[in-house]
Amino acid sequence: MAPLARSPYTGASRRLVIAFDIGTTYSGVSYSILTPGEIPEIYPVTRFPHQEHVGGNCKIPTVIYYDKRGKARAIGIDDLEDFDPDEVENWTKVQWFKMHLRPKSSATSDAADQITPLPPNKTVIDIFVDFMKYLYASTCTYIQETFPNQLNFLVSMDRNNAIDFILTHPNGWGGWQQAQMRQVAVRAKLVPDTDAGRARIRFVTEGEASLHLCIQRGLMTPEMERGEGVLIVDAGGGTIDISAYSRNLTANKKNTFEEIAAAQCFFQGSIYVTNRARRFIENRLNGSKFQDNIEYIVNAFDKKSKLRFRDKPVYVPANSPEKDAKLGMGNGSLRLGNEDVAAFFKPSIDCIVNAVKKQRRTAKKTISTVFLVGGFAASDWLYNQIEISMKSLGVKFFRPDSNVNKAVADGGVSYFIDHSVTARVSKYACGVRCSLRYDPDDQEHRQRSSQVFRDEEGYRVPNSFDIILPKDTKVSETKEFRESYYRTSTDRDDFGYVESSLLCYKGSSPHPRWTDVDAGSYSTLCKVVDNGQLINTSRYVSNGGYYIVEYDVVLAFGLTELAAQFAWEENGVEKRCPAKIAYDIQ
């Protein structure tokens, strides 16, 4: 299929779109200048200050070096060979810091033990701010150097609030991580700390960005053209993101896709292969004369040997002339057996194969095509082992060229311009905890009789889970979900601040009903907070001697981030006000 043919930009004025792909191991930036009447083009940033050796590569290492005072001294550089050794002696290398922003759940607890700790007196947000500042400054410099005849372009765009930023993130990240990343963008001076400024920060999952990139590059099979499902396996440094889509054949817009299964995210990216290698190497060399060489060997395996593995022994540079046949040391390298190295990869390979099988079982359409993308996809061993399983499933399996694997940021810009995905599938059930009017004919109510309480409206049963959005529901971007609620109080001022906690249920029950059953599977997704308008809708119930406020919570789940409103009726007309989404600290 030919690459995507875009329509001219229809906006009233010029805008600049910049997408940041801050990956666990490598990062990149892409941008597009939107001019009314012209067809948008997407460009990667391929030059970075003090990165002359990159040579046109569109990604740089996600690495920062801090001095002992906590100042960032080198960014985007993996080694310091061009710096004065005396100067860098007390610098601290920070890498893989993105993983510290992951959701804190039991599913990610194993990952925590394998992530390098943050330096003293630095939070993950501090480090993200320093890195994002560097990426933004590099992007501005690159654009100015690339378009020298438009020296005032960036100043004009910034002054007119005409720069939109897209931040990509793993499938498993949610609203809390998005809120943290938005705060990073504010602190990095990308946008002002205002509602309008924060609204110029948008998010897209790495899986969805990869789909946009595949569409943009014309990577469409005949099966995809017919509306069958395609699975995007984004194998990155930290995570494996699994996303399933199919083309909407009834949409007016040709290249419109819908999610057909809930996206998944696993902490089995390439850094975990390196960590398994590290444990193996440490067990072999600890206590030997090569103990001080372990860090050098692990780094050499991570940067070179890992992606070159081809089912034969691997000889990893060891930076030592010493020999020891029993330890596998000789000729300046450490010999690792092919079976040992294959074992480092096996959990990641098994994870991908099992995830593909599960997605094919649960997807709402037949999945006949799988694309393997991301930096980890460069491993021939990973690709070949997965290909064997895909052939047995009768699935067409492709690995696009390296330019696709290094350009998630391109897909982020394409998401903003082309907006090809119009429906997404809910990963879990969402709702609120509430009380129900006691029904003596309901057996479950009778079983909870000891919990029954009385309020102004009568007897009620607590801890009911009122589901607003069921799990595995396909949600279009325009579809709203709403539920009606009320609050009562003898003091009207209690309605000056109204909030509803939105819960998510991640357990196995297909019909969760009570929040105190399988309680560990419930967690607070966010709080939907009123801006002070609902108090004006309250009314006094004279025969009960209390005030009541009645309202609807209106939620939009089909976007790449949650949106909420409060709604009420006033003189027969529905009124609405925006709700603030607040996230608890994780």
Protein backbone atom coordinates (compact mmCIF):
# COMPACT_ATOMS: atom_id res chain seq x y z
CA MET A 1 0.00 0.00 0.00
CA ALA A 2 1.18 3.53 -0.77
CA PRO A 3 2.08 5.85 2.11
CA LEU A 4 -0.76 7.84 3.65
CA ALA A 5 -1.97 10.73 1.47
CA ARG A 6 -2.82 13.63 3.75
CA SER A 7 -5.22 16.46 3.12
CA PRO A 8 -4.11 20.09 3.39
CA TYR A 9 -4.21 21.61 6.87
CA THR A 10 -7.55 23.38 7.41
CA GLY A 11 -6.69 25.45 10.47
CA ALA A 12 -7.02 29.22 10.41
CA SER A 13 -3.40 29.95 11.38
CA ARG A 14 0.01 28.31 11.53
CA ARG A 15 0.81 25.92 14.35
CA LEU A 16 3.79 23.85 15.39
CA VAL A 17 3.36 20.28 16.65
CA ILE A 18 6.20 18.64 18.59
CA ALA A 19 6.13 15.03 19.80
CA PHE A 20 8.50 13.71 22.47
CA ASP A 21 9.16 9.99 22.72
CA ILE A 22 11.07 9.65 25.97
CA GLY A 23 11.90 5.96 26.03
CA THR A 24 13.50 3.86 28.72
CA THR A 25 16.76 3.51 26.78
CA TYR A 26 16.49 5.90 23.81
CA SER A 27 14.50 9.03 23.05
CA GLY A 28 13.50 10.99 19.99
CA VAL A 29 11.64 14.09 18.84
CA SER A 30 9.58 14.80 15.72
CA TYR A 31 7.68 17.88 14.60
CA SER A 32 5.44 19.31 11.92
CA ILE A 33 4.75 22.90 10.88
CA LEU A 34 1.06 23.23 10.07
CA THR A 35 0.38 25.93 7.48
CA PRO A 36 -3.21 26.62 6.28
CA GLY A 37 -3.79 25.17 2.82
CA GLU A 38 -0.58 23.10 2.80
CA ILE A 39 -0.16 19.33 3.27
CA PRO A 40 1.58 18.66 6.60
CA GLU A 41 4.91 16.84 6.62
CA ILE A 42 6.55 15.19 9.61
CA TYR A 43 10.25 15.62 10.32
CA PRO A 44 12.50 13.97 12.92
CA VAL A 45 15.07 15.95 14.88
CA THR A 46 18.39 14.44 13.81
CA ARG A 47 20.94 16.81 15.37
CA PHE A 48 21.44 17.47 19.05
CA PRO A 49 23.91 19.83 20.77
CA HIS A 50 27.20 18.08 21.62
CA GLN A 51 25.94 15.00 19.75
CA GLU A 52 27.93 15.32 16.55
CA HIS A 53 28.76 11.59 16.67
CA VAL A 54 25.08 10.69 16.34
CA GLY A 55 25.40 11.23 12.60
CA GLY A 56 21.79 11.80 11.62
CA ASN A 57 20.29 9.23 13.97
CA CYS A 58 16.87 10.29 15.21
CA LYS A 59 17.31 8.83 18.71
CA ILE A 60 19.70 9.54 21.55
CA PRO A 61 20.37 7.63 24.78
CA THR A 62 17.95 8.44 27.62
CA VAL A 63 20.84 9.20 29.97
CA ILE A 64 21.77 12.11 32.24
CA TYR A 65 24.98 12.65 34.19
CA TYR A 66 24.76 14.73 37.39
CA ASP A 67 27.65 16.20 39.31
CA LYS A 68 27.84 15.87 43.10
CA ARG A 69 25.86 19.13 43.51
CA GLY A 70 22.96 17.67 41.55
CA LYS A 71 23.49 19.72 38.41
CA ALA A 72 22.91 18.05 35.04
CA ARG A 73 26.26 18.11 33.25
CA ALA A 74 25.78 15.81 30.25
CA ILE A 75 22.52 14.70 28.65
CA GLY A 76 21.82 12.20 25.89
CA ILE A 77 25.36 10.78 26.04
CA ASP A 78 26.03 7.16 26.92
CA ASP A 79 29.73 7.50 27.71
CA LEU A 80 32.02 10.36 28.68
CA GLU A 81 35.08 9.62 26.58
CA ASP A 82 35.16 13.19 25.25
CA PHE A 83 35.22 14.72 28.76
CA ASP A 84 38.09 15.36 31.15
CA PRO A 85 38.43 12.21 33.33
CA ASP A 86 39.18 14.32 36.41
CA GLU A 87 36.04 16.37 35.82
CA VAL A 88 33.66 13.41 35.48
CA GLU A 89 35.09 11.33 38.32
CA ASN A 90 32.28 12.27 40.73
CA TRP A 91 29.46 12.40 38.20
CA THR A 92 26.51 10.04 38.59
CA LYS A 93 25.01 8.31 35.56
CA VAL A 94 21.21 8.10 35.55
CA GLN A 95 19.49 5.77 33.09
CA TRP A 96 16.22 3.82 32.86
CA PHE A 97 14.64 6.50 35.08
CA LYS A 98 11.40 6.31 33.11
CA MET A 99 10.56 3.05 34.87
CA HIS A 100 10.27 4.91 38.18
CA LEU A 101 7.10 6.54 36.86
CA ARG A 102 5.40 3.20 36.18
CA PRO A 103 2.08 2.34 37.87
CA LYS A 104 2.67 0.99 41.36
CA SER A 105 0.69 -2.24 41.29
CA SER A 106 1.32 -5.91 41.98
CA ALA A 107 1.73 -6.46 38.25
CA THR A 108 4.80 -4.21 38.25
CA SER A 109 6.26 -5.15 41.63
CA ASP A 110 8.78 -7.58 40.10
CA ALA A 111 9.99 -4.82 37.80
CA ALA A 112 10.86 -2.59 40.76
CA ASP A 113 13.69 -4.85 41.90
CA GLN A 114 15.38 -4.60 38.50
CA ILE A 115 15.42 -0.82 38.07
CA THR A 116 18.47 1.23 38.95
CA PRO A 117 17.78 3.58 41.89
CA LEU A 118 17.55 7.34 41.51
CA PRO A 119 20.44 9.50 42.71
CA PRO A 120 20.18 11.17 46.15
CA ASN A 121 17.96 14.26 46.40
CA LYS A 122 16.44 13.71 42.95
CA THR A 123 12.89 12.68 42.16
CA VAL A 124 11.88 11.06 38.90
CA ILE A 125 10.05 14.28 38.05
CA ASP A 126 13.24 16.33 38.55
CA ILE A 127 15.09 14.07 36.13
CA PHE A 128 12.28 14.13 33.56
CA VAL A 129 12.27 17.94 33.71
CA ASP A 130 16.00 18.15 32.99
CA PHE A 131 15.71 15.70 30.11
CA MET A 132 12.64 17.36 28.59
CA LYS A 133 14.30 20.79 28.81
CA TYR A 134 17.22 19.38 26.84
CA LEU A 135 14.98 17.82 24.19
CA TYR A 136 12.96 21.01 23.76
CA ALA A 137 16.04 23.25 23.55
CA SER A 138 17.59 20.84 21.03
CA THR A 139 14.41 20.88 18.96
CA CYS A 140 14.23 24.67 18.90
CA THR A 141 17.88 24.88 17.83
CA TYR A 142 17.34 22.26 15.13
CA ILE A 143 14.28 24.03 13.69
CA GLN A 144 16.09 27.38 13.66
CA GLU A 145 19.09 25.86 11.88
CA THR A 146 16.90 23.96 9.42
CA PHE A 147 14.74 26.98 8.51
CA PRO A 148 17.18 29.92 8.75
CA ASN A 149 14.82 32.18 6.80
CA GLN A 150 12.25 31.97 9.60
CA LEU A 151 14.29 33.16 12.56
CA ASN A 152 11.27 34.61 14.36
CA PHE A 153 9.04 31.60 13.70
CA LEU A 154 9.53 29.93 17.10
CA VAL A 155 9.17 33.20 18.98
CA SER A 156 5.93 33.89 17.14
CA MET A 157 4.55 30.39 17.77
CA ASP A 158 5.38 30.56 21.47
CA ARG A 159 3.97 34.08 21.88
CA ASN A 160 0.71 33.06 20.22
CA ASN A 161 0.40 29.82 22.22
CA ALA A 162 0.51 27.99 18.88
CA ILE A 163 2.75 25.07 19.86
CA ASP A 164 1.09 21.74 20.66
CA PHE A 165 3.06 19.01 22.41
CA ILE A 166 2.44 15.27 22.16
CA LEU A 167 3.93 12.99 24.81
CA THR A 168 4.02 9.25 24.12
CA HIS A 169 3.86 6.72 26.94
CA PRO A 170 3.49 2.94 27.49
CA ASN A 171 0.07 1.31 27.18
CA GLY A 172 0.08 0.57 30.89
CA TRP A 173 0.32 4.17 32.01
CA GLY A 174 -2.84 5.94 33.09
CA GLY A 175 -4.14 9.26 34.31
CA TRP A 176 -1.72 9.62 37.22
CA GLN A 177 1.31 9.20 34.96
CA GLN A 178 -0.20 11.62 32.44
CA ALA A 179 -0.76 14.18 35.19
CA GLN A 180 2.88 13.84 36.27
CA MET A 181 4.12 14.22 32.69
CA ARG A 182 1.96 17.30 32.21
CA GLN A 183 3.53 18.80 35.33
CA VAL A 184 6.97 17.96 33.91
CA ALA A 185 6.09 19.91 30.76
CA VAL A 186 5.04 22.90 32.85
CA ARG A 187 8.22 22.84 34.92
CA ALA A 188 10.31 22.42 31.76
CA LYS A 189 8.72 25.66 30.45
CA LEU A 190 7.07 24.04 27.45
CA VAL A 191 3.75 25.64 28.42
CA PRO A 192 2.57 28.07 31.11
CA ASP A 193 0.89 26.75 34.25
CA THR A 194 -2.62 27.73 33.13
CA ASP A 195 -5.64 25.73 31.96
CA ALA A 196 -5.00 26.86 28.39
CA GLY A 197 -1.31 26.03 28.64
CA ARG A 198 -1.85 22.57 30.12
CA ALA A 199 -4.45 21.84 27.43
CA ARG A 200 -1.68 22.07 24.80
CA ILE A 201 -0.09 18.94 26.28
CA ARG A 202 -1.63 15.79 24.80
CA PHE A 203 -0.89 12.11 25.19
CA VAL A 204 -0.89 9.00 23.05
CA THR A 205 0.18 5.46 23.87
CA GLU A 206 3.29 4.12 22.21
CA GLY A 207 1.19 1.32 20.70
CA GLU A 208 -1.22 3.76 19.07
CA ALA A 209 1.62 5.99 17.90
CA SER A 210 3.23 2.93 16.28
CA LEU A 211 -0.03 2.13 14.47
CA HIS A 212 -0.17 5.68 13.10
CA LEU A 213 3.41 5.33 11.92
CA CYS A 214 2.68 2.04 10.13
CA ILE A 215 -0.33 3.62 8.40
CA GLN A 216 1.72 6.70 7.52
CA ARG A 217 4.40 4.50 5.92
CA GLY A 218 1.83 2.50 3.94
CA LEU A 219 2.32 -0.75 5.89
CA MET A 220 -1.11 -2.24 5.20
CA THR A 221 -1.74 -5.89 4.31
CA PRO A 222 -4.71 -7.01 2.16
CA GLU A 223 -6.23 -8.52 5.30
CA MET A 224 -6.03 -5.16 7.07
CA GLU A 225 -7.62 -3.49 4.05
CA ARG A 226 -10.55 -5.92 4.37
CA GLY A 227 -11.06 -4.97 8.02
CA GLU A 228 -9.32 -7.88 9.74
CA GLY A 229 -7.37 -7.18 12.90
CA VAL A 230 -3.75 -6.12 13.20
CA LEU A 231 -1.66 -6.46 16.33
CA ILE A 232 1.10 -3.96 17.10
CA VAL A 233 3.81 -5.43 19.33
CA ASP A 234 5.96 -2.50 20.44
CA ALA A 235 9.01 -4.09 22.01
CA GLY A 236 10.93 -1.31 23.71
CA GLY A 237 13.63 -0.88 26.27
CA GLY A 238 11.39 -1.15 29.32
CA THR A 239 8.00 -2.39 28.21
CA ILE A 240 6.29 -4.65 25.71
CA ASP A 241 3.12 -2.88 24.54
CA ILE A 242 0.43 -4.96 22.82
CA SER A 243 -2.30 -3.13 20.86
CA ALA A 244 -4.98 -4.58 18.55
CA TYR A 245 -6.84 -2.60 15.88
CA SER A 246 -9.00 -3.07 12.81
CA ARG A 247 -9.93 -0.74 10.01
CA ASN A 248 -13.44 0.74 10.22
CA LEU A 249 -14.87 -0.03 6.78
CA THR A 250 -17.99 2.09 7.34
CA ALA A 251 -16.19 5.30 8.34
CA ASN A 252 -16.24 8.25 5.96
CA LYS A 253 -12.52 8.70 6.43
CA LYS A 254 -10.56 5.93 4.67
CA ASN A 255 -7.79 5.21 7.17
CA THR A 256 -9.90 5.05 10.31
CA PHE A 257 -9.14 2.35 12.87
CA GLU A 258 -10.74 1.11 16.08
CA GLU A 259 -9.22 -0.75 18.99
CA ILE A 260 -10.62 -4.30 19.12
CA ALA A 261 -9.12 -5.53 22.40
CA ALA A 262 -7.94 -3.85 25.58
CA ALA A 263 -4.32 -2.74 25.20
CA GLN A 264 -1.74 -4.51 27.34
CA CYS A 265 1.64 -3.58 28.80
CA PHE A 266 4.31 -5.88 30.18
CA PHE A 267 7.61 -5.11 31.87
CA GLN A 268 9.69 -7.43 29.70
CA GLY A 269 11.58 -5.01 27.47
CA SER A 270 15.23 -5.29 26.52
CA ILE A 271 16.56 -3.96 29.83
CA TYR A 272 15.21 -7.07 31.54
CA VAL A 273 17.25 -9.26 29.19
CA THR A 274 20.26 -7.25 30.30
CA ASN A 275 19.31 -7.65 33.96
CA ARG A 276 19.03 -11.42 33.60
CA ALA A 277 22.45 -11.40 31.94
CA ARG A 278 23.80 -9.29 34.80
CA ARG A 279 22.65 -11.78 37.44
CA PHE A 280 24.21 -14.65 35.47
CA ILE A 281 27.53 -12.83 35.01
CA GLU A 282 27.63 -11.76 38.66
CA ASN A 283 27.03 -15.33 39.81
CA ARG A 284 29.90 -16.50 37.65
CA LEU A 285 32.47 -13.79 38.34
CA ASN A 286 31.75 -12.56 41.88
CA GLY A 287 34.70 -13.36 44.12
CA SER A 288 37.03 -13.94 41.18
CA LYS A 289 39.84 -11.73 39.91
CA PHE A 290 37.42 -10.49 37.24
CA GLN A 291 34.91 -9.09 39.71
CA ASP A 292 35.86 -5.50 38.92
CA ASN A 293 35.19 -6.16 35.23
CA ILE A 294 31.53 -7.13 35.72
CA GLU A 295 30.13 -3.67 35.03
CA TYR A 296 32.18 -3.34 31.85
CA ILE A 297 31.06 -6.78 30.63
CA VAL A 298 27.37 -6.13 31.37
CA ASN A 299 27.52 -2.80 29.56
CA ALA A 300 29.21 -4.44 26.55
CA PHE A 301 26.54 -7.14 26.48
CA ASP A 302 23.78 -4.53 26.64
CA LYS A 303 25.19 -2.30 23.89
CA LYS A 304 26.57 -4.87 21.46
CA SER A 305 26.23 -8.58 22.19
CA LYS A 306 22.53 -8.63 23.07
CA LEU A 307 21.15 -7.57 19.71
CA ARG A 308 23.79 -9.58 17.78
CA PHE A 309 22.90 -12.91 19.38
CA ARG A 310 22.28 -15.66 16.74
CA ASP A 311 22.00 -18.98 18.64
CA LYS A 312 25.73 -19.48 19.01
CA PRO A 313 28.16 -18.66 21.82
CA VAL A 314 28.59 -14.98 22.54
CA TYR A 315 31.99 -13.47 23.28
CA VAL A 316 31.47 -10.32 25.33
CA PRO A 317 34.37 -7.81 25.60
CA ALA A 318 35.74 -8.00 29.14
CA ASN A 319 38.48 -5.35 29.19
CA SER A 320 40.97 -7.84 30.63
CA PRO A 321 43.94 -9.77 29.13
CA GLU A 322 43.70 -12.38 31.89
CA LYS A 323 42.49 -15.91 31.07
CA ASP A 324 40.48 -18.47 33.02
CA ALA A 325 39.00 -21.33 31.02
CA LYS A 326 36.69 -22.45 33.85
CA LEU A 327 35.10 -19.01 33.96
CA GLY A 328 35.01 -18.65 30.18
CA MET A 329 37.52 -15.79 30.17
CA GLY A 330 40.08 -15.55 27.39
CA ASN A 331 41.35 -13.32 24.61
CA GLY A 332 39.89 -10.28 26.32
CA SER A 333 36.31 -11.57 26.39
CA LEU A 334 33.81 -13.59 28.41
CA ARG A 335 32.26 -16.59 26.63
CA LEU A 336 28.52 -17.06 27.21
CA GLY A 337 26.93 -20.25 25.92
CA ASN A 338 24.11 -19.96 23.43
CA GLU A 339 21.69 -21.78 25.75
CA ASP A 340 22.50 -19.35 28.55
CA VAL A 341 21.92 -16.30 26.37
CA ALA A 342 18.72 -17.81 24.96
CA ALA A 343 17.51 -18.14 28.56
CA PHE A 344 18.01 -14.39 29.07
CA PHE A 345 15.58 -13.77 26.19
CA LYS A 346 13.06 -16.51 26.95
CA PRO A 347 10.78 -14.68 29.46
CA SER A 348 10.39 -11.76 27.05
CA ILE A 349 9.70 -14.06 24.09
CA ASP A 350 7.19 -16.12 26.08
CA CYS A 351 5.52 -12.92 27.24
CA ILE A 352 5.00 -11.69 23.67
CA VAL A 353 3.78 -15.03 22.31
CA ASN A 354 1.31 -15.53 25.18
CA ALA A 355 0.06 -11.95 24.86
CA VAL A 356 -0.54 -12.39 21.12
CA LYS A 357 -2.53 -15.58 21.81
CA LYS A 358 -4.63 -13.85 24.46
CA GLN A 359 -5.35 -10.85 22.25
CA ARG A 360 -6.45 -13.16 19.44
CA ARG A 361 -8.82 -14.93 21.85
CA THR A 362 -10.37 -11.76 23.25
CA ALA A 363 -10.35 -9.46 20.21
CA LYS A 364 -13.68 -8.56 18.66
CA LYS A 365 -12.34 -9.43 15.19
CA THR A 366 -9.96 -11.99 13.70
CA ILE A 367 -6.32 -10.89 14.06
CA SER A 368 -4.41 -12.04 10.99
CA THR A 369 -1.41 -9.65 11.00
CA VAL A 370 1.23 -8.85 13.61
CA PHE A 371 3.82 -6.06 13.36
CA LEU A 372 6.88 -6.19 15.63
CA VAL A 373 8.23 -2.67 16.15
CA GLY A 374 10.37 -0.85 18.68
CA GLY A 375 14.07 -0.84 19.48
CA PHE A 376 14.05 -4.39 20.89
CA ALA A 377 12.65 -5.59 17.54
CA ALA A 378 16.16 -5.11 16.12
CA SER A 379 17.12 -8.39 17.80
CA ASP A 380 17.10 -11.14 15.16
CA TRP A 381 16.85 -13.78 17.89
CA LEU A 382 13.71 -12.17 19.32
CA TYR A 383 12.18 -11.85 15.87
CA ASN A 384 13.02 -15.38 14.72
CA GLN A 385 11.71 -17.05 17.87
CA ILE A 386 8.43 -15.15 17.72
CA GLU A 387 8.13 -15.84 14.00
CA ILE A 388 8.20 -19.59 14.67
CA SER A 389 5.20 -19.26 16.99
CA MET A 390 3.34 -16.92 14.64
CA LYS A 391 3.67 -19.38 11.75
CA SER A 392 2.15 -22.11 13.91
CA LEU A 393 -0.79 -19.79 14.56
CA GLY A 394 -1.24 -18.99 10.89
CA VAL A 395 -0.55 -15.30 11.49
CA LYS A 396 1.32 -13.03 9.08
CA PHE A 397 4.29 -11.62 10.97
CA PHE A 398 6.28 -8.58 9.90
CA ARG A 399 9.17 -6.54 11.21
CA PRO A 400 9.26 -3.12 9.50
CA ASP A 401 12.60 -1.53 8.65
CA SER A 402 14.71 0.19 11.26
CA ASN A 403 13.41 3.65 10.33
CA VAL A 404 9.99 2.65 11.62
CA ASN A 405 11.41 1.13 14.78
CA LYS A 406 13.14 4.38 15.69
CA ALA A 407 10.34 6.85 15.06
CA VAL A 408 7.54 6.55 17.62
CA ALA A 409 7.74 10.35 17.82
CA ASP A 410 6.73 10.47 14.14
CA GLY A 411 3.66 8.44 15.09
CA GLY A 412 2.93 10.91 17.89
CA VAL A 413 2.78 13.78 15.40
CA SER A 414 0.71 11.63 13.02
CA TYR A 415 -1.74 11.00 15.87
CA PHE A 416 -2.26 14.76 16.18
CA ILE A 417 -2.56 15.39 12.44
CA ASP A 418 -4.26 12.25 11.10
CA HIS A 419 -6.19 11.04 14.15
CA SER A 420 -6.71 7.57 12.70
CA VAL A 421 -8.00 5.82 15.86
CA THR A 422 -11.57 6.75 16.80
CA ALA A 423 -12.55 4.07 19.33
CA ARG A 424 -10.75 2.33 22.17
CA VAL A 425 -11.51 -0.64 24.47
CA SER A 426 -11.74 -0.27 28.25
CA LYS A 427 -9.09 -2.19 30.18
CA TYR A 428 -11.15 -2.55 33.36
CA ALA A 429 -14.54 -1.73 34.87
CA CYS A 430 -14.93 1.83 36.14
CA GLY A 431 -17.56 3.14 38.54
CA VAL A 432 -18.20 4.70 41.93
CA ARG A 433 -18.79 3.41 45.43
CA CYS A 434 -22.29 4.32 46.58
CA SER A 435 -25.13 3.18 48.84
CA LEU A 436 -28.35 1.58 47.63
CA ARG A 437 -31.86 1.89 48.98
CA TYR A 438 -32.35 -1.19 51.16
CA ASP A 439 -34.49 -3.84 49.47
CA PRO A 440 -35.66 -6.57 51.89
CA ASP A 441 -36.51 -8.80 48.93
CA ASP A 442 -32.91 -8.78 47.71
CA GLN A 443 -30.98 -11.71 49.21
CA GLU A 444 -27.62 -9.89 49.04
CA HIS A 445 -29.16 -6.89 50.82
CA ARG A 446 -30.45 -9.16 53.58
CA GLN A 447 -26.99 -10.73 53.93
CA ARG A 448 -25.66 -7.22 54.54
CA SER A 449 -28.31 -6.22 57.06
CA SER A 450 -25.66 -5.58 59.72
CA GLN A 451 -24.22 -2.81 57.55
CA VAL A 452 -27.53 -1.06 56.81
CA PHE A 453 -27.74 2.58 57.91
CA ARG A 454 -30.37 5.29 57.76
CA ASP A 455 -30.11 8.71 56.18
CA GLU A 456 -32.61 11.43 55.27
CA GLU A 457 -33.93 9.24 52.43
CA GLY A 458 -34.42 6.04 54.46
CA TYR A 459 -32.49 2.79 54.97
CA ARG A 460 -29.49 2.15 52.74
CA VAL A 461 -26.87 -0.52 52.01
CA PRO A 462 -23.25 0.73 51.66
CA ASN A 463 -20.33 -0.39 49.48
CA SER A 464 -22.21 -0.91 46.24
CA PHE A 465 -20.11 -0.67 43.08
CA ASP A 466 -22.09 1.33 40.52
CA ILE A 467 -20.46 0.49 37.18
CA ILE A 468 -20.32 3.38 34.71
CA LEU A 469 -18.08 1.69 32.15
CA PRO A 470 -17.89 -2.13 31.97
CA LYS A 471 -14.62 -3.86 31.16
CA ASP A 472 -13.83 -4.67 27.50
CA THR A 473 -16.30 -2.10 26.19
CA LYS A 474 -15.55 -0.43 22.86
CA VAL A 475 -15.85 3.31 23.36
CA SER A 476 -15.91 5.91 20.60
CA GLU A 477 -14.30 9.28 21.23
CA THR A 478 -17.69 11.00 21.19
CA LYS A 479 -19.55 8.55 23.43
CA GLU A 480 -20.40 9.77 26.92
CA PHE A 481 -21.07 7.68 30.00
CA ARG A 482 -23.17 9.17 32.75
CA GLU A 483 -24.77 8.23 36.03
CA SER A 484 -27.08 10.20 38.31
CA TYR A 485 -26.26 10.82 41.96
CA TYR A 486 -27.39 13.00 44.83
CA ARG A 487 -26.03 14.28 48.10
CA THR A 488 -27.93 15.36 51.20
CA SER A 489 -26.88 17.48 54.14
CA THR A 490 -28.40 19.67 56.81
CA ASP A 491 -25.70 22.24 56.01
CA ARG A 492 -25.85 23.71 52.51
CA ASP A 493 -22.20 24.77 52.72
CA ASP A 494 -21.21 21.09 52.54
CA PHE A 495 -21.92 21.32 48.80
CA GLY A 496 -19.25 23.96 48.27
CA TYR A 497 -16.85 21.14 47.47
CA VAL A 498 -18.26 18.03 45.83
CA GLU A 499 -16.09 15.20 44.66
CA SER A 500 -16.77 11.71 43.39
CA SER A 501 -14.07 9.06 43.59
CA LEU A 502 -13.93 7.02 40.40
CA LEU A 503 -12.90 3.44 41.12
CA CYS A 504 -11.55 0.79 38.80
CA TYR A 505 -11.92 -2.94 39.29
CA LYS A 506 -9.11 -5.14 37.96
CA GLY A 507 -10.22 -8.47 39.38
CA SER A 508 -11.58 -11.57 37.68
CA SER A 509 -15.29 -11.23 38.46
CA PRO A 510 -17.31 -10.47 35.30
CA HIS A 511 -19.98 -8.66 37.34
CA PRO A 512 -18.42 -6.97 40.37
CA ARG A 513 -21.13 -5.61 42.65
CA TRP A 514 -19.66 -4.85 46.08
CA THR A 515 -16.43 -3.02 46.84
CA ASP A 516 -15.81 -5.06 50.00
CA VAL A 517 -15.79 -8.31 47.98
CA ASP A 518 -12.40 -8.92 46.37
CA ALA A 519 -11.54 -5.55 47.89
CA GLY A 520 -7.88 -5.75 46.85
CA SER A 521 -8.89 -5.56 43.19
CA TYR A 522 -10.43 -2.10 43.61
CA SER A 523 -8.39 1.08 43.47
CA THR A 524 -9.10 4.76 43.08
CA LEU A 525 -8.62 5.78 39.47
CA CYS A 526 -9.12 9.48 40.16
CA LYS A 527 -11.39 12.01 41.84
CA VAL A 528 -13.89 14.03 39.83
CA VAL A 529 -14.05 17.42 41.57
CA ASP A 530 -16.68 20.15 41.20
CA ASN A 531 -15.47 23.72 40.67
CA GLY A 532 -18.00 25.18 43.10
CA GLN A 533 -21.05 25.44 40.87
CA LEU A 534 -23.12 22.54 42.22
CA ILE A 535 -23.88 24.36 45.49
CA ASN A 536 -26.00 26.77 43.47
CA THR A 537 -28.20 23.89 42.28
CA SER A 538 -29.09 22.63 45.77
CA ARG A 539 -32.64 22.84 47.10
CA TYR A 540 -34.15 22.60 50.56
CA VAL A 541 -36.45 19.70 51.42
CA SER A 542 -38.78 21.33 53.94
CA ASN A 543 -40.52 18.20 55.18
CA GLY A 544 -37.16 16.53 55.83
CA GLY A 545 -35.21 19.50 57.10
CA TYR A 546 -32.20 18.97 54.81
CA TYR A 547 -30.65 20.18 51.57
CA ILE A 548 -30.18 18.02 48.49
CA VAL A 549 -28.09 18.42 45.38
CA GLU A 550 -28.78 16.22 42.34
CA TYR A 551 -26.31 15.86 39.51
CA ASP A 552 -24.91 13.59 36.81
CA VAL A 553 -21.27 12.63 36.43
CA VAL A 554 -20.51 12.66 32.68
CA LEU A 555 -17.36 10.86 31.59
CA ALA A 556 -15.60 10.52 28.23
CA PHE A 557 -13.42 7.41 28.24
CA GLY A 558 -12.83 7.15 24.48
CA LEU A 559 -10.07 9.75 24.31
CA THR A 560 -6.40 9.14 25.08
CA GLU A 561 -7.01 10.67 28.50
CA LEU A 562 -10.08 10.83 30.72
CA ALA A 563 -12.40 13.86 30.52
CA ALA A 564 -15.23 14.62 32.94
CA GLN A 565 -18.12 17.02 33.52
CA PHE A 566 -20.91 17.58 36.03
CA ALA A 567 -24.41 18.03 34.62
CA TRP A 568 -27.70 19.12 36.17
CA GLU A 569 -31.09 20.37 35.12
CA GLU A 570 -32.08 23.98 35.55
CA ASN A 571 -35.58 25.14 34.54
CA GLY A 572 -35.88 22.15 32.22
CA VAL A 573 -32.53 22.85 30.52
CA GLU A 574 -29.40 20.77 31.05
CA LYS A 575 -26.44 22.73 32.35
CA ARG A 576 -22.85 21.53 32.53
CA CYS A 577 -19.58 22.55 34.08
CA PRO A 578 -16.13 21.05 33.59
CA ALA A 579 -14.89 18.81 36.36
CA LYS A 580 -11.34 18.73 37.59
CA ILE A 581 -9.62 15.34 37.46
CA ALA A 582 -7.47 14.82 40.55
CA TYR A 583 -5.14 11.85 41.03
CA ASP A 584 -3.88 10.50 44.33
CA ILE A 585 -0.13 10.12 44.74
CA GLN A 586 1.00 6.62 43.78
